[in-house]
């Protein structure tokens, strides 16, 4: 059990370090990714107003068959990119939430980039 708690502490330390420098505004909001063992969540947040502008997760009824893997993460990234395009948001700041930028987190970013969102 000690190994799991150490891993969580390292992730939390990285998360705090990242959040010191990243803050979202209405013009350039923050896109954050959270992944659990079963599901994947993506939110676009305006930190100045304290509101979530849009979100997508694998728990939504349309995306129930999606799992927390690389190929499905890219599909969820394209969905969040399309929702951002509907709200006329072109650029975001990508918050990896303390996770390393590879695998699932990178797939979400690549999926959003395919729709034309700039980081």
PDB file of N, CA and C in Angstrom:
ATOM      1  N   UNK A   1       0.811  -1.204   0.000  1.00  0.00           N
ATOM      2  CA  UNK A   1       0.000   0.000   0.000  1.00  0.00           C
ATOM      3  C   UNK A   1       0.852   1.264   0.000  1.00  0.00           C
ATOM      4  N   UNK A   2       2.038   1.179   0.570  1.00  0.00           N
ATOM      5  CA  UNK A   2       2.890   2.355   0.616  1.00  0.00           C
ATOM      6  C   UNK A   2       3.249   2.825  -0.780  1.00  0.00           C
ATOM      7  N   UNK A   3       3.443   1.898  -1.718  1.00  0.00           N
ATOM      8  CA  UNK A   3       3.801   2.267  -3.079  1.00  0.00           C
ATOM      9  C   UNK A   3       2.693   3.093  -3.738  1.00  0.00           C
ATOM     10  N   UNK A   4       1.434   2.732  -3.506  1.00  0.00           N
ATOM     11  CA  UNK A   4       0.319   3.472  -4.083  1.00  0.00           C
ATOM     12  C   UNK A   4       0.257   4.879  -3.508  1.00  0.00           C
ATOM     13  N   UNK A   5       0.433   5.025  -2.215  1.00  0.00           N
ATOM     14  CA  UNK A   5       0.343   6.351  -1.624  1.00  0.00           C
ATOM     15  C   UNK A   5       1.503   7.233  -2.075  1.00  0.00           C
ATOM     16  N   UNK A   6       2.697   6.660  -2.258  1.00  0.00           N
ATOM     17  CA  UNK A   6       3.827   7.440  -2.759  1.00  0.00           C
ATOM     18  C   UNK A   6       3.555   7.921  -4.179  1.00  0.00           C
ATOM     19  N   UNK A   7       2.938   7.074  -4.984  1.00  0.00           N
ATOM     20  CA  UNK A   7       2.616   7.442  -6.357  1.00  0.00           C
ATOM     21  C   UNK A   7       1.616   8.598  -6.367  1.00  0.00           C
ATOM     22  N   UNK A   8       0.630   8.544  -5.494  1.00  0.00           N
ATOM     23  CA  UNK A   8      -0.356   9.616  -5.409  1.00  0.00           C
ATOM     24  C   UNK A   8       0.281  10.910  -4.925  1.00  0.00           C
ATOM     25  N   UNK A   9       1.223  10.816  -4.009  1.00  0.00           N
ATOM     26  CA  UNK A   9       1.902  12.014  -3.515  1.00  0.00           C
ATOM     27  C   UNK A   9       2.732  12.675  -4.608  1.00  0.00           C
ATOM     28  N   UNK A  10       3.406  11.865  -5.422  1.00  0.00           N
ATOM     29  CA  UNK A  10       4.192  12.422  -6.520  1.00  0.00           C
ATOM     30  C   UNK A  10       3.285  13.130  -7.523  1.00  0.00           C
ATOM     31  N   UNK A  11       2.131  12.526  -7.842  1.00  0.00           N
ATOM     32  CA  UNK A  11       1.194  13.136  -8.770  1.00  0.00           C
ATOM     33  C   UNK A  11       0.645  14.439  -8.208  1.00  0.00           C
ATOM     34  N   UNK A  12       0.321  14.456  -6.923  1.00  0.00           N
ATOM     35  CA  UNK A  12      -0.193  15.663  -6.290  1.00  0.00           C
ATOM     36  C   UNK A  12       0.847  16.773  -6.308  1.00  0.00           C
ATOM     37  N   UNK A  13       2.114  16.423  -6.076  1.00  0.00           N
ATOM     38  CA  UNK A  13       3.181  17.420  -6.112  1.00  0.00           C
ATOM     39  C   UNK A  13       3.321  18.017  -7.514  1.00  0.00           C
ATOM     40  N   UNK A  14       3.256  17.160  -8.541  1.00  0.00           N
ATOM     41  CA  UNK A  14       3.313  17.660  -9.916  1.00  0.00           C
ATOM     42  C   UNK A  14       2.108  18.535 -10.232  1.00  0.00           C
ATOM     43  N   UNK A  15       0.931  18.134  -9.747  1.00  0.00           N
ATOM     44  CA  UNK A  15      -0.295  18.893  -9.998  1.00  0.00           C
ATOM     45  C   UNK A  15      -0.209  20.295  -9.410  1.00  0.00           C
ATOM     46  N   UNK A  16       0.256  20.408  -8.190  1.00  0.00           N
ATOM     47  CA  UNK A  16       0.369  21.709  -7.535  1.00  0.00           C
ATOM     48  C   UNK A  16       1.375  22.580  -8.271  1.00  0.00           C
ATOM     49  N   UNK A  17       2.475  22.003  -8.709  1.00  0.00           N
ATOM     50  CA  UNK A  17       3.498  22.751  -9.433  1.00  0.00           C
ATOM     51  C   UNK A  17       2.952  23.282 -10.762  1.00  0.00           C
ATOM     52  N   UNK A  18       2.162  22.472 -11.456  1.00  0.00           N
ATOM     53  CA  UNK A  18       1.581  22.880 -12.733  1.00  0.00           C
ATOM     54  C   UNK A  18       0.551  23.994 -12.520  1.00  0.00           C
ATOM     55  N   UNK A  19      -0.300  23.856 -11.506  1.00  0.00           N
ATOM     56  CA  UNK A  19      -1.387  24.814 -11.281  1.00  0.00           C
ATOM     57  C   UNK A  19      -0.883  26.171 -10.822  1.00  0.00           C
ATOM     58  N   UNK A  20       0.376  26.261 -10.356  1.00  0.00           N
ATOM     59  CA  UNK A  20       0.932  27.561 -10.006  1.00  0.00           C
ATOM     60  C   UNK A  20       1.040  28.459 -11.229  1.00  0.00           C
ATOM     61  N   UNK A  21       1.327  27.851 -12.374  1.00  0.00           N
ATOM     62  CA  UNK A  21       1.585  28.653 -13.569  1.00  0.00           C
ATOM     63  C   UNK A  21       0.431  28.662 -14.567  1.00  0.00           C
ATOM     64  N   UNK A  22      -0.535  27.753 -14.441  1.00  0.00           N
ATOM     65  CA  UNK A  22      -1.636  27.686 -15.398  1.00  0.00           C
ATOM     66  C   UNK A  22      -2.917  28.192 -14.755  1.00  0.00           C
ATOM     67  N   UNK A  23      -3.546  29.158 -15.414  1.00  0.00           N
ATOM     68  CA  UNK A  23      -4.829  29.661 -14.977  1.00  0.00           C
ATOM     69  C   UNK A  23      -5.645  30.007 -16.215  1.00  0.00           C
ATOM     70  N   UNK A  24      -6.904  29.621 -16.220  1.00  0.00           N
ATOM     71  CA  UNK A  24      -7.738  29.850 -17.383  1.00  0.00           C
ATOM     72  C   UNK A  24      -8.546  31.126 -17.275  1.00  0.00           C
ATOM     73  N   UNK A  25      -8.750  31.774 -18.418  1.00  0.00           N
ATOM     74  CA  UNK A  25      -9.591  32.959 -18.488  1.00  0.00           C
ATOM     75  C   UNK A  25     -10.728  32.665 -19.463  1.00  0.00           C
ATOM     76  N   UNK A  26     -11.611  33.633 -19.645  1.00  0.00           N
ATOM     77  CA  UNK A  26     -12.705  33.433 -20.589  1.00  0.00           C
ATOM     78  C   UNK A  26     -12.181  33.351 -22.015  1.00  0.00           C
ATOM     79  N   UNK A  27     -11.132  34.110 -22.324  1.00  0.00           N
ATOM     80  CA  UNK A  27     -10.573  34.092 -23.672  1.00  0.00           C
ATOM     81  C   UNK A  27      -9.743  32.840 -23.930  1.00  0.00           C
ATOM     82  N   UNK A  28      -9.025  32.377 -22.932  1.00  0.00           N
ATOM     83  CA  UNK A  28      -8.184  31.185 -23.062  1.00  0.00           C
ATOM     84  C   UNK A  28      -8.373  30.304 -21.822  1.00  0.00           C
ATOM     85  N   UNK A  29      -9.403  29.463 -21.804  1.00  0.00           N
ATOM     86  CA  UNK A  29      -9.690  28.657 -20.623  1.00  0.00           C
ATOM     87  C   UNK A  29      -8.707  27.504 -20.443  1.00  0.00           C
ATOM     88  N   UNK A  30      -8.814  26.861 -19.307  1.00  0.00           N
ATOM     89  CA  UNK A  30      -7.947  25.737 -18.958  1.00  0.00           C
ATOM     90  C   UNK A  30      -8.686  24.434 -19.231  1.00  0.00           C
ATOM     91  N   UNK A  31      -8.058  23.538 -19.995  1.00  0.00           N
ATOM     92  CA  UNK A  31      -8.643  22.228 -20.261  1.00  0.00           C
ATOM     93  C   UNK A  31      -7.919  21.202 -19.406  1.00  0.00           C
ATOM     94  N   UNK A  32      -8.640  20.579 -18.496  1.00  0.00           N
ATOM     95  CA  UNK A  32      -8.040  19.633 -17.571  1.00  0.00           C
ATOM     96  C   UNK A  32      -8.553  18.223 -17.831  1.00  0.00           C
ATOM     97  N   UNK A  33      -7.690  17.255 -17.594  1.00  0.00           N
ATOM     98  CA  UNK A  33      -7.992  15.845 -17.836  1.00  0.00           C
ATOM     99  C   UNK A  33      -7.883  15.102 -16.516  1.00  0.00           C
ATOM    100  N   UNK A  34      -8.880  14.294 -16.218  1.00  0.00           N
ATOM    101  CA  UNK A  34      -8.814  13.395 -15.068  1.00  0.00           C
ATOM    102  C   UNK A  34      -9.120  11.993 -15.558  1.00  0.00           C
ATOM    103  N   UNK A  35      -8.296  11.056 -15.151  1.00  0.00           N
ATOM    104  CA  UNK A  35      -8.537   9.679 -15.552  1.00  0.00           C
ATOM    105  C   UNK A  35      -8.571   8.797 -14.311  1.00  0.00           C
ATOM    106  N   UNK A  36      -9.556   7.917 -14.293  1.00  0.00           N
ATOM    107  CA  UNK A  36      -9.615   6.898 -13.263  1.00  0.00           C
ATOM    108  C   UNK A  36      -9.343   5.562 -13.936  1.00  0.00           C
ATOM    109  N   UNK A  37      -9.465   4.490 -13.208  1.00  0.00           N
ATOM    110  CA  UNK A  37      -9.215   3.187 -13.813  1.00  0.00           C
ATOM    111  C   UNK A  37     -10.273   2.824 -14.846  1.00  0.00           C
ATOM    112  N   UNK A  38     -11.506   3.299 -14.651  1.00  0.00           N
ATOM    113  CA  UNK A  38     -12.593   2.928 -15.553  1.00  0.00           C
ATOM    114  C   UNK A  38     -13.004   4.042 -16.504  1.00  0.00           C
ATOM    115  N   UNK A  39     -12.912   5.290 -16.091  1.00  0.00           N
ATOM    116  CA  UNK A  39     -13.489   6.389 -16.857  1.00  0.00           C
ATOM    117  C   UNK A  39     -12.488   7.506 -17.096  1.00  0.00           C
ATOM    118  N   UNK A  40     -12.881   8.383 -17.993  1.00  0.00           N
ATOM    119  CA  UNK A  40     -12.058   9.515 -18.378  1.00  0.00           C
ATOM    120  C   UNK A  40     -12.925  10.764 -18.391  1.00  0.00           C
ATOM    121  N   UNK A  41     -12.424  11.861 -17.849  1.00  0.00           N
ATOM    122  CA  UNK A  41     -13.170  13.102 -17.738  1.00  0.00           C
ATOM    123  C   UNK A  41     -12.331  14.244 -18.279  1.00  0.00           C
ATOM    124  N   UNK A  42     -12.939  15.134 -19.057  1.00  0.00           N
ATOM    125  CA  UNK A  42     -12.265  16.320 -19.581  1.00  0.00           C
ATOM    126  C   UNK A  42     -13.166  17.514 -19.305  1.00  0.00           C
ATOM    127  N   UNK A  43     -12.595  18.572 -18.715  1.00  0.00           N
ATOM    128  CA  UNK A  43     -13.347  19.783 -18.429  1.00  0.00           C
ATOM    129  C   UNK A  43     -12.602  20.987 -18.981  1.00  0.00           C
ATOM    130  N   UNK A  44     -13.356  21.983 -19.411  1.00  0.00           N
ATOM    131  CA  UNK A  44     -12.785  23.259 -19.832  1.00  0.00           C
ATOM    132  C   UNK A  44     -13.301  24.298 -18.851  1.00  0.00           C
ATOM    133  N   UNK A  45     -12.372  24.955 -18.140  1.00  0.00           N
ATOM    134  CA  UNK A  45     -12.719  25.766 -16.982  1.00  0.00           C
ATOM    135  C   UNK A  45     -12.243  27.202 -17.159  1.00  0.00           C
ATOM    136  N   UNK A  46     -13.103  28.148 -16.798  1.00  0.00           N
ATOM    137  CA  UNK A  46     -12.746  29.563 -16.686  1.00  0.00           C
ATOM    138  C   UNK A  46     -12.455  29.820 -15.214  1.00  0.00           C
ATOM    139  N   UNK A  47     -11.181  29.936 -14.855  1.00  0.00           N
ATOM    140  CA  UNK A  47     -10.799  30.081 -13.447  1.00  0.00           C
ATOM    141  C   UNK A  47     -11.135  31.454 -12.881  1.00  0.00           C
ATOM    142  N   UNK A  48     -11.204  32.470 -13.712  1.00  0.00           N
ATOM    143  CA  UNK A  48     -11.525  33.815 -13.231  1.00  0.00           C
ATOM    144  C   UNK A  48     -12.959  33.845 -12.713  1.00  0.00           C
ATOM    145  N   UNK A  49     -13.893  33.312 -13.502  1.00  0.00           N
ATOM    146  CA  UNK A  49     -15.294  33.286 -13.094  1.00  0.00           C
ATOM    147  C   UNK A  49     -15.606  32.075 -12.220  1.00  0.00           C
ATOM    148  N   UNK A  50     -14.754  31.041 -12.263  1.00  0.00           N
ATOM    149  CA  UNK A  50     -14.989  29.847 -11.468  1.00  0.00           C
ATOM    150  C   UNK A  50     -16.078  28.965 -12.042  1.00  0.00           C
ATOM    151  N   UNK A  51     -16.175  28.916 -13.381  1.00  0.00           N
ATOM    152  CA  UNK A  51     -17.217  28.123 -14.032  1.00  0.00           C
ATOM    153  C   UNK A  51     -16.611  27.114 -14.997  1.00  0.00           C
ATOM    154  N   UNK A  52     -17.283  25.983 -15.133  1.00  0.00           N
ATOM    155  CA  UNK A  52     -16.937  25.017 -16.160  1.00  0.00           C
ATOM    156  C   UNK A  52     -17.675  25.397 -17.425  1.00  0.00           C
ATOM    157  N   UNK A  53     -16.941  25.655 -18.494  1.00  0.00           N
ATOM    158  CA  UNK A  53     -17.553  26.069 -19.750  1.00  0.00           C
ATOM    159  C   UNK A  53     -18.166  24.887 -20.489  1.00  0.00           C
ATOM    160  N   UNK A  54     -17.445  23.790 -20.563  1.00  0.00           N
ATOM    161  CA  UNK A  54     -17.957  22.571 -21.186  1.00  0.00           C
ATOM    162  C   UNK A  54     -17.182  21.386 -20.642  1.00  0.00           C
ATOM    163  N   UNK A  55     -17.767  20.221 -20.785  1.00  0.00           N
ATOM    164  CA  UNK A  55     -17.106  19.017 -20.303  1.00  0.00           C
ATOM    165  C   UNK A  55     -17.522  17.826 -21.145  1.00  0.00           C
ATOM    166  N   UNK A  56     -16.754  16.772 -21.030  1.00  0.00           N
ATOM    167  CA  UNK A  56     -17.080  15.504 -21.689  1.00  0.00           C
ATOM    168  C   UNK A  56     -16.502  14.395 -20.826  1.00  0.00           C
ATOM    169  N   UNK A  57     -17.232  13.301 -20.739  1.00  0.00           N
ATOM    170  CA  UNK A  57     -16.716  12.170 -19.976  1.00  0.00           C
ATOM    171  C   UNK A  57     -17.219  10.872 -20.581  1.00  0.00           C
ATOM    172  N   UNK A  58     -16.573   9.804 -20.204  1.00  0.00           N
ATOM    173  CA  UNK A  58     -16.971   8.492 -20.707  1.00  0.00           C
ATOM    174  C   UNK A  58     -18.206   7.972 -19.974  1.00  0.00           C
ATOM    175  N   UNK A  59     -18.736   8.736 -19.035  1.00  0.00           N
ATOM    176  CA  UNK A  59     -19.958   8.346 -18.331  1.00  0.00           C
ATOM    177  C   UNK A  59     -21.217   8.829 -19.030  1.00  0.00           C
ATOM    178  N   UNK A  60     -21.076   9.718 -20.019  1.00  0.00           N
ATOM    179  CA  UNK A  60     -22.250  10.208 -20.740  1.00  0.00           C
ATOM    180  C   UNK A  60     -22.876   9.066 -21.529  1.00  0.00           C
ATOM    181  N   UNK A  61     -24.173   9.158 -21.736  1.00  0.00           N
ATOM    182  CA  UNK A  61     -24.896   8.046 -22.366  1.00  0.00           C
ATOM    183  C   UNK A  61     -24.407   7.748 -23.772  1.00  0.00           C
ATOM    184  N   UNK A  62     -23.981   8.777 -24.512  1.00  0.00           N
ATOM    185  CA  UNK A  62     -23.482   8.546 -25.867  1.00  0.00           C
ATOM    186  C   UNK A  62     -22.129   7.847 -25.871  1.00  0.00           C
ATOM    187  N   UNK A  63     -21.374   8.003 -24.806  1.00  0.00           N
ATOM    188  CA  UNK A  63     -20.008   7.491 -24.761  1.00  0.00           C
ATOM    189  C   UNK A  63     -19.831   6.351 -23.764  1.00  0.00           C
ATOM    190  N   UNK A  64     -20.895   5.697 -23.375  1.00  0.00           N
ATOM    191  CA  UNK A  64     -20.808   4.578 -22.436  1.00  0.00           C
ATOM    192  C   UNK A  64     -19.862   3.467 -22.904  1.00  0.00           C
ATOM    193  N   UNK A  65     -19.859   3.131 -24.211  1.00  0.00           N
ATOM    194  CA  UNK A  65     -18.955   2.046 -24.624  1.00  0.00           C
ATOM    195  C   UNK A  65     -17.472   2.420 -24.562  1.00  0.00           C
ATOM    196  N   UNK A  66     -17.155   3.707 -24.445  1.00  0.00           N
ATOM    197  CA  UNK A  66     -15.757   4.116 -24.387  1.00  0.00           C
ATOM    198  C   UNK A  66     -15.129   3.680 -23.074  1.00  0.00           C
ATOM    199  N   UNK A  67     -13.895   3.229 -23.165  1.00  0.00           N
ATOM    200  CA  UNK A  67     -13.156   2.820 -21.977  1.00  0.00           C
ATOM    201  C   UNK A  67     -11.998   3.776 -21.770  1.00  0.00           C
ATOM    202  N   UNK A  68     -11.274   3.577 -20.726  1.00  0.00           N
ATOM    203  CA  UNK A  68     -10.138   4.433 -20.416  1.00  0.00           C
ATOM    204  C   UNK A  68      -8.888   3.851 -21.073  1.00  0.00           C
ATOM    205  N   UNK A  69      -8.822   3.953 -22.408  1.00  0.00           N
ATOM    206  CA  UNK A  69      -7.635   3.520 -23.136  1.00  0.00           C
ATOM    207  C   UNK A  69      -7.272   4.571 -24.177  1.00  0.00           C
ATOM    208  N   UNK A  70      -6.174   4.357 -24.875  1.00  0.00           N
ATOM    209  CA  UNK A  70      -5.618   5.384 -25.753  1.00  0.00           C
ATOM    210  C   UNK A  70      -6.541   5.705 -26.923  1.00  0.00           C
ATOM    211  N   UNK A  71      -7.103   4.700 -27.564  1.00  0.00           N
ATOM    212  CA  UNK A  71      -7.933   4.955 -28.747  1.00  0.00           C
ATOM    213  C   UNK A  71      -9.235   5.661 -28.378  1.00  0.00           C
ATOM    214  N   UNK A  72      -9.845   5.278 -27.280  1.00  0.00           N
ATOM    215  CA  UNK A  72     -11.086   5.930 -26.858  1.00  0.00           C
ATOM    216  C   UNK A  72     -10.823   7.331 -26.303  1.00  0.00           C
ATOM    217  N   UNK A  73      -9.654   7.553 -25.740  1.00  0.00           N
ATOM    218  CA  UNK A  73      -9.308   8.882 -25.232  1.00  0.00           C
ATOM    219  C   UNK A  73      -9.213   9.880 -26.371  1.00  0.00           C
ATOM    220  N   UNK A  74      -8.732   9.444 -27.521  1.00  0.00           N
ATOM    221  CA  UNK A  74      -8.648  10.343 -28.671  1.00  0.00           C
ATOM    222  C   UNK A  74     -10.042  10.719 -29.151  1.00  0.00           C
ATOM    223  N   UNK A  75     -10.993   9.777 -29.112  1.00  0.00           N
ATOM    224  CA  UNK A  75     -12.374  10.076 -29.492  1.00  0.00           C
ATOM    225  C   UNK A  75     -12.975  11.111 -28.552  1.00  0.00           C
ATOM    226  N   UNK A  76     -12.697  10.973 -27.257  1.00  0.00           N
ATOM    227  CA  UNK A  76     -13.204  11.940 -26.281  1.00  0.00           C
ATOM    228  C   UNK A  76     -12.557  13.311 -26.490  1.00  0.00           C
ATOM    229  N   UNK A  77     -11.297  13.328 -26.914  1.00  0.00           N
ATOM    230  CA  UNK A  77     -10.627  14.591 -27.226  1.00  0.00           C
ATOM    231  C   UNK A  77     -11.256  15.299 -28.409  1.00  0.00           C
ATOM    232  N   UNK A  78     -11.669  14.537 -29.422  1.00  0.00           N
ATOM    233  CA  UNK A  78     -12.335  15.163 -30.571  1.00  0.00           C
ATOM    234  C   UNK A  78     -13.703  15.698 -30.180  1.00  0.00           C
ATOM    235  N   UNK A  79     -14.380  15.001 -29.277  1.00  0.00           N
ATOM    236  CA  UNK A  79     -15.698  15.467 -28.811  1.00  0.00           C
ATOM    237  C   UNK A  79     -15.555  16.790 -28.069  1.00  0.00           C
ATOM    238  N   UNK A  80     -14.577  16.885 -27.182  1.00  0.00           N
ATOM    239  CA  UNK A  80     -14.403  18.132 -26.435  1.00  0.00           C
ATOM    240  C   UNK A  80     -13.959  19.246 -27.378  1.00  0.00           C
ATOM    241  N   UNK A  81     -13.185  18.915 -28.400  1.00  0.00           N
ATOM    242  CA  UNK A  81     -12.786  19.912 -29.389  1.00  0.00           C
ATOM    243  C   UNK A  81     -13.972  20.460 -30.165  1.00  0.00           C
ATOM    244  N   UNK A  82     -14.896  19.575 -30.541  1.00  0.00           N
ATOM    245  CA  UNK A  82     -16.096  20.016 -31.255  1.00  0.00           C
ATOM    246  C   UNK A  82     -16.977  20.893 -30.364  1.00  0.00           C
ATOM    247  N   UNK A  83     -17.079  20.539 -29.095  1.00  0.00           N
ATOM    248  CA  UNK A  83     -17.884  21.345 -28.169  1.00  0.00           C
ATOM    249  C   UNK A  83     -17.257  22.723 -27.958  1.00  0.00           C
ATOM    250  N   UNK A  84     -15.935  22.782 -27.978  1.00  0.00           N
ATOM    251  CA  UNK A  84     -15.263  24.081 -27.863  1.00  0.00           C
ATOM    252  C   UNK A  84     -15.485  24.920 -29.113  1.00  0.00           C
ATOM    253  N   UNK A  85     -15.488  24.279 -30.275  1.00  0.00           N
ATOM    254  CA  UNK A  85     -15.737  25.000 -31.535  1.00  0.00           C
ATOM    255  C   UNK A  85     -17.145  25.601 -31.534  1.00  0.00           C
ATOM    256  N   UNK A  86     -18.125  24.877 -30.968  1.00  0.00           N
ATOM    257  CA  UNK A  86     -19.493  25.394 -30.886  1.00  0.00           C
ATOM    258  C   UNK A  86     -19.556  26.646 -30.029  1.00  0.00           C
ATOM    259  N   UNK A  87     -18.684  26.727 -29.022  1.00  0.00           N
ATOM    260  CA  UNK A  87     -18.665  27.891 -28.139  1.00  0.00           C
ATOM    261  C   UNK A  87     -17.678  28.957 -28.618  1.00  0.00           C
ATOM    262  N   UNK A  88     -17.128  28.785 -29.820  1.00  0.00           N
ATOM    263  CA  UNK A  88     -16.191  29.729 -30.433  1.00  0.00           C
ATOM    264  C   UNK A  88     -14.929  29.932 -29.606  1.00  0.00           C
ATOM    265  N   UNK A  89     -14.404  28.853 -29.064  1.00  0.00           N
ATOM    266  CA  UNK A  89     -13.147  28.882 -28.324  1.00  0.00           C
ATOM    267  C   UNK A  89     -12.097  28.192 -29.181  1.00  0.00           C
ATOM    268  N   UNK A  90     -11.032  28.925 -29.509  1.00  0.00           N
ATOM    269  CA  UNK A  90      -9.993  28.403 -30.404  1.00  0.00           C
ATOM    270  C   UNK A  90      -8.754  27.928 -29.655  1.00  0.00           C
ATOM    271  N   UNK A  91      -8.410  28.598 -28.548  1.00  0.00           N
ATOM    272  CA  UNK A  91      -7.195  28.264 -27.819  1.00  0.00           C
ATOM    273  C   UNK A  91      -7.527  27.930 -26.373  1.00  0.00           C
ATOM    274  N   UNK A  92      -6.792  26.985 -25.820  1.00  0.00           N
ATOM    275  CA  UNK A  92      -6.937  26.604 -24.413  1.00  0.00           C
ATOM    276  C   UNK A  92      -5.547  26.385 -23.823  1.00  0.00           C
ATOM    277  N   UNK A  93      -5.490  26.366 -22.516  1.00  0.00           N
ATOM    278  CA  UNK A  93      -4.273  25.968 -21.803  1.00  0.00           C
ATOM    279  C   UNK A  93      -4.507  24.547 -21.319  1.00  0.00           C
ATOM    280  N   UNK A  94      -3.600  23.649 -21.649  1.00  0.00           N
ATOM    281  CA  UNK A  94      -3.791  22.233 -21.334  1.00  0.00           C
ATOM    282  C   UNK A  94      -3.223  21.930 -19.964  1.00  0.00           C
ATOM    283  N   UNK A  95      -4.066  21.438 -19.080  1.00  0.00           N
ATOM    284  CA  UNK A  95      -3.678  21.059 -17.722  1.00  0.00           C
ATOM    285  C   UNK A  95      -3.720  19.539 -17.641  1.00  0.00           C
ATOM    286  N   UNK A  96      -2.559  18.918 -17.535  1.00  0.00           N
ATOM    287  CA  UNK A  96      -2.521  17.457 -17.505  1.00  0.00           C
ATOM    288  C   UNK A  96      -2.811  16.893 -16.122  1.00  0.00           C
ATOM    289  N   UNK A  97      -3.043  17.767 -15.160  1.00  0.00           N
ATOM    290  CA  UNK A  97      -3.524  17.392 -13.832  1.00  0.00           C
ATOM    291  C   UNK A  97      -2.544  16.491 -13.086  1.00  0.00           C
ATOM    292  N   UNK A  98      -1.257  16.666 -13.321  1.00  0.00           N
ATOM    293  CA  UNK A  98      -0.243  15.900 -12.617  1.00  0.00           C
ATOM    294  C   UNK A  98       0.120  14.589 -13.288  1.00  0.00           C
ATOM    295  N   UNK A  99      -0.610  14.203 -14.318  1.00  0.00           N
ATOM    296  CA  UNK A  99      -0.283  12.975 -15.035  1.00  0.00           C
ATOM    297  C   UNK A  99       0.847  13.259 -16.017  1.00  0.00           C
ATOM    298  N   UNK A 100       1.626  12.244 -16.310  1.00  0.00           N
ATOM    299  CA  UNK A 100       2.678  12.400 -17.302  1.00  0.00           C
ATOM    300  C   UNK A 100       2.045  12.528 -18.688  1.00  0.00           C
ATOM    301  N   UNK A 101       2.688  13.303 -19.558  1.00  0.00           N
ATOM    302  CA  UNK A 101       2.116  13.573 -20.873  1.00  0.00           C
ATOM    303  C   UNK A 101       2.480  12.450 -21.838  1.00  0.00           C
ATOM    304  N   UNK A 102       1.824  11.318 -21.680  1.00  0.00           N
ATOM    305  CA  UNK A 102       1.941  10.219 -22.621  1.00  0.00           C
ATOM    306  C   UNK A 102       0.720   9.337 -22.461  1.00  0.00           C
ATOM    307  N   UNK A 103       0.495   8.474 -23.407  1.00  0.00           N
ATOM    308  CA  UNK A 103      -0.615   7.539 -23.313  1.00  0.00           C
ATOM    309  C   UNK A 103      -1.957   8.229 -23.449  1.00  0.00           C
ATOM    310  N   UNK A 104      -2.795   8.038 -22.452  1.00  0.00           N
ATOM    311  CA  UNK A 104      -4.172   8.525 -22.486  1.00  0.00           C
ATOM    312  C   UNK A 104      -4.232  10.052 -22.517  1.00  0.00           C
ATOM    313  N   UNK A 105      -3.428  10.704 -21.722  1.00  0.00           N
ATOM    314  CA  UNK A 105      -3.450  12.169 -21.654  1.00  0.00           C
ATOM    315  C   UNK A 105      -3.009  12.761 -22.991  1.00  0.00           C
ATOM    316  N   UNK A 106      -1.992  12.185 -23.590  1.00  0.00           N
ATOM    317  CA  UNK A 106      -1.528  12.658 -24.896  1.00  0.00           C
ATOM    318  C   UNK A 106      -2.582  12.416 -25.970  1.00  0.00           C
ATOM    319  N   UNK A 107      -3.318  11.317 -25.888  1.00  0.00           N
ATOM    320  CA  UNK A 107      -4.360  11.024 -26.872  1.00  0.00           C
ATOM    321  C   UNK A 107      -5.497  12.034 -26.799  1.00  0.00           C
ATOM    322  N   UNK A 108      -5.859  12.455 -25.601  1.00  0.00           N
ATOM    323  CA  UNK A 108      -6.893  13.483 -25.452  1.00  0.00           C
ATOM    324  C   UNK A 108      -6.425  14.772 -26.109  1.00  0.00           C
ATOM    325  N   UNK A 109      -5.171  15.145 -25.870  1.00  0.00           N
ATOM    326  CA  UNK A 109      -4.624  16.367 -26.466  1.00  0.00           C
ATOM    327  C   UNK A 109      -4.580  16.261 -27.989  1.00  0.00           C
ATOM    328  N   UNK A 110      -4.164  15.112 -28.515  1.00  0.00           N
ATOM    329  CA  UNK A 110      -4.097  14.933 -29.961  1.00  0.00           C
ATOM    330  C   UNK A 110      -5.476  14.971 -30.596  1.00  0.00           C
ATOM    331  N   UNK A 111      -6.459  14.401 -29.930  1.00  0.00           N
ATOM    332  CA  UNK A 111      -7.828  14.435 -30.446  1.00  0.00           C
ATOM    333  C   UNK A 111      -8.367  15.847 -30.506  1.00  0.00           C
ATOM    334  N   UNK A 112      -8.057  16.650 -29.499  1.00  0.00           N
ATOM    335  CA  UNK A 112      -8.509  18.044 -29.505  1.00  0.00           C
ATOM    336  C   UNK A 112      -7.772  18.848 -30.573  1.00  0.00           C
ATOM    337  N   UNK A 113      -6.508  18.534 -30.780  1.00  0.00           N
ATOM    338  CA  UNK A 113      -5.726  19.246 -31.802  1.00  0.00           C
ATOM    339  C   UNK A 113      -6.246  18.935 -33.204  1.00  0.00           C
ATOM    340  N   UNK A 114      -6.761  17.733 -33.418  1.00  0.00           N
ATOM    341  CA  UNK A 114      -7.294  17.368 -34.734  1.00  0.00           C
ATOM    342  C   UNK A 114      -8.500  18.219 -35.116  1.00  0.00           C
ATOM    343  N   UNK A 115      -9.233  18.705 -34.124  1.00  0.00           N
ATOM    344  CA  UNK A 115     -10.390  19.548 -34.423  1.00  0.00           C
ATOM    345  C   UNK A 115      -9.999  21.010 -34.607  1.00  0.00           C
ATOM    346  N   UNK A 116      -8.736  21.348 -34.372  1.00  0.00           N
ATOM    347  CA  UNK A 116      -8.275  22.718 -34.597  1.00  0.00           C
ATOM    348  C   UNK A 116      -8.063  23.524 -33.331  1.00  0.00           C
ATOM    349  N   UNK A 117      -8.169  22.912 -32.191  1.00  0.00           N
ATOM    350  CA  UNK A 117      -7.919  23.615 -30.929  1.00  0.00           C
ATOM    351  C   UNK A 117      -6.417  23.778 -30.752  1.00  0.00           C
ATOM    352  N   UNK A 118      -5.985  24.966 -30.345  1.00  0.00           N
ATOM    353  CA  UNK A 118      -4.565  25.245 -30.164  1.00  0.00           C
ATOM    354  C   UNK A 118      -4.245  25.304 -28.680  1.00  0.00           C
ATOM    355  N   UNK A 119      -3.090  24.744 -28.327  1.00  0.00           N
ATOM    356  CA  UNK A 119      -2.626  24.774 -26.935  1.00  0.00           C
ATOM    357  C   UNK A 119      -1.476  25.757 -26.801  1.00  0.00           C
TER     358      UNK A 119
END
